[in-house]
Amino acid sequence: MGKNICILEDDPGIIDIIKILLKEEGYRAESYSSVNDFLSRKNPNPDLFILDVMLPDGNGMEVCRLLKSDAATKRIPILMMSAHADLPQMTRACIAEEYVTKPFDIDVLLRKIKRQVNP
């Protein structure tokens, strides 16, 4: 059975692209479009979190900090996504392992995902 990846992204088109890509590569994906839904997820410990920075009801950086401060999730890698110019600095600030800028190259995204879930 494939690794499980949890996506927090409010753009349905981006969610669809990522889920199709992950399914083709043998991963399982669950997605959430709001921070509230994400925080009440059924599977609290996936193999990777993919978090958008700008969300309708919160901020992906705050979610990242929350995950990294929780003993149950602090060792799960996080990949941040944003069109924000300061994404590398933002990623370091919340202690995420990886980032990808939007619009993203599918091959780059997949390579970064594989690097985190198959170290």
Protein backbone atom coordinates (compact mmCIF):
# COMPACT_ATOMS: atom_id res chain seq x y z
CA MET A 1 0.00 0.00 0.00
CA GLY A 2 1.30 3.49 -0.89
CA LYS A 3 2.36 6.25 1.43
CA ASN A 4 -0.35 8.62 2.62
CA ILE A 5 -0.05 12.33 1.85
CA CYS A 6 -2.23 15.00 3.43
CA ILE A 7 -2.87 18.16 1.38
CA LEU A 8 -4.12 21.50 2.74
CA GLU A 9 -4.96 23.64 -0.31
CA ASP A 10 -7.99 25.80 -1.09
CA ASP A 11 -7.72 25.77 -4.91
CA PRO A 12 -9.74 22.79 -6.27
CA GLY A 13 -7.76 22.76 -9.52
CA ILE A 14 -4.45 22.42 -7.71
CA ILE A 15 -5.89 19.74 -5.43
CA ASP A 16 -7.08 17.76 -8.47
CA ILE A 17 -3.69 18.00 -10.20
CA ILE A 18 -1.77 16.91 -7.12
CA LYS A 19 -4.17 14.04 -6.32
CA ILE A 20 -4.01 12.71 -9.90
CA LEU A 21 -0.21 12.92 -9.86
CA LEU A 22 0.02 11.17 -6.50
CA LYS A 23 -2.40 8.41 -7.49
CA GLU A 24 -0.40 7.72 -10.68
CA GLU A 25 2.72 7.35 -8.52
CA GLY A 26 1.04 4.93 -6.09
CA TYR A 27 0.46 7.35 -3.21
CA ARG A 28 -2.77 7.81 -1.29
CA ALA A 29 -3.90 11.41 -0.81
CA GLU A 30 -6.45 13.13 1.34
CA SER A 31 -7.16 16.81 0.86
CA TYR A 32 -8.66 19.63 2.87
CA SER A 33 -9.59 23.11 1.66
CA SER A 34 -9.73 24.82 5.06
CA VAL A 35 -7.66 24.89 8.22
CA ASN A 36 -10.69 23.86 10.29
CA ASP A 37 -11.29 20.74 8.18
CA PHE A 38 -7.57 19.94 8.23
CA LEU A 39 -7.36 20.19 12.02
CA SER A 40 -10.29 17.77 12.41
CA ARG A 41 -8.87 15.19 9.96
CA LYS A 42 -9.37 11.49 10.68
CA ASN A 43 -5.79 10.40 9.85
CA PRO A 44 -3.62 12.58 12.08
CA ASN A 45 -0.28 11.07 11.00
CA PRO A 46 0.30 10.81 7.24
CA ASP A 47 3.75 10.31 5.68
CA LEU A 48 3.87 13.90 4.37
CA PHE A 49 1.95 17.15 4.75
CA ILE A 50 1.61 19.51 1.76
CA LEU A 51 0.47 22.92 2.98
CA ASP A 52 -0.54 26.02 1.05
CA VAL A 53 0.47 29.27 2.76
CA MET A 54 -2.59 31.41 1.97
CA LEU A 55 -5.87 29.85 3.05
CA PRO A 56 -9.38 31.27 3.49
CA ASP A 57 -9.55 30.62 7.22
CA GLY A 58 -5.93 30.68 8.30
CA ASN A 59 -2.30 30.54 7.35
CA GLY A 60 -0.30 27.49 6.30
CA MET A 61 2.74 28.79 8.17
CA GLU A 62 0.77 28.76 11.42
CA VAL A 63 -0.41 25.21 10.67
CA CYS A 64 3.21 24.22 9.95
CA ARG A 65 4.37 25.64 13.30
CA LEU A 66 1.51 23.84 15.05
CA LEU A 67 2.45 20.51 13.45
CA LYS A 68 6.15 20.97 14.28
CA SER A 69 5.36 21.79 17.91
CA ASP A 70 3.19 18.68 18.41
CA ALA A 71 5.06 15.55 19.56
CA ALA A 72 2.78 13.34 17.42
CA THR A 73 3.49 15.18 14.15
CA LYS A 74 6.82 16.99 14.56
CA ARG A 75 8.78 14.31 12.69
CA ILE A 76 6.41 14.19 9.70
CA PRO A 77 7.92 16.14 6.78
CA ILE A 78 6.14 19.23 5.49
CA LEU A 79 6.23 20.65 1.97
CA MET A 80 5.02 24.26 1.75
CA MET A 81 3.42 25.71 -1.42
CA SER A 82 2.90 29.34 -2.34
CA ALA A 83 3.29 31.96 -5.04
CA HIS A 84 4.80 34.22 -2.36
CA ALA A 85 8.27 35.54 -3.23
CA ASP A 86 9.63 34.89 0.28
CA LEU A 87 8.63 31.22 0.34
CA PRO A 88 12.17 29.91 1.05
CA GLN A 89 12.49 32.19 4.09
CA MET A 90 8.94 31.39 5.21
CA THR A 91 9.71 27.67 4.94
CA ARG A 92 12.75 28.03 7.18
CA ALA A 93 10.76 30.13 9.66
CA CYS A 94 8.18 27.39 10.23
CA ILE A 95 10.78 24.58 10.07
CA ALA A 96 9.27 22.89 7.00
CA GLU A 97 11.52 20.44 5.17
CA GLU A 98 10.72 21.55 1.63
CA TYR A 99 8.86 24.06 -0.51
CA VAL A 100 7.60 24.51 -4.05
CA THR A 101 6.58 27.78 -5.66
CA LYS A 102 3.35 28.19 -7.61
CA PRO A 103 2.91 27.73 -10.44
CA PHE A 104 4.91 24.56 -9.96
CA ASP A 105 6.54 22.14 -12.38
CA ILE A 106 4.91 18.72 -11.87
CA ASP A 107 8.25 16.91 -12.16
CA VAL A 108 9.84 19.18 -9.54
CA LEU A 109 6.90 18.69 -7.18
CA LEU A 110 7.02 14.92 -7.58
CA ARG A 111 10.80 14.84 -7.04
CA LYS A 112 10.44 16.85 -3.81
CA ILE A 113 7.60 14.62 -2.58
CA LYS A 114 9.62 11.46 -3.26
CA ARG A 115 12.65 12.91 -1.48
CA GLN A 116 10.57 13.44 1.66
CA VAL A 117 8.57 10.20 1.78
CA ASN A 118 11.37 7.91 0.54
CA PRO A 119 14.51 9.32 2.21
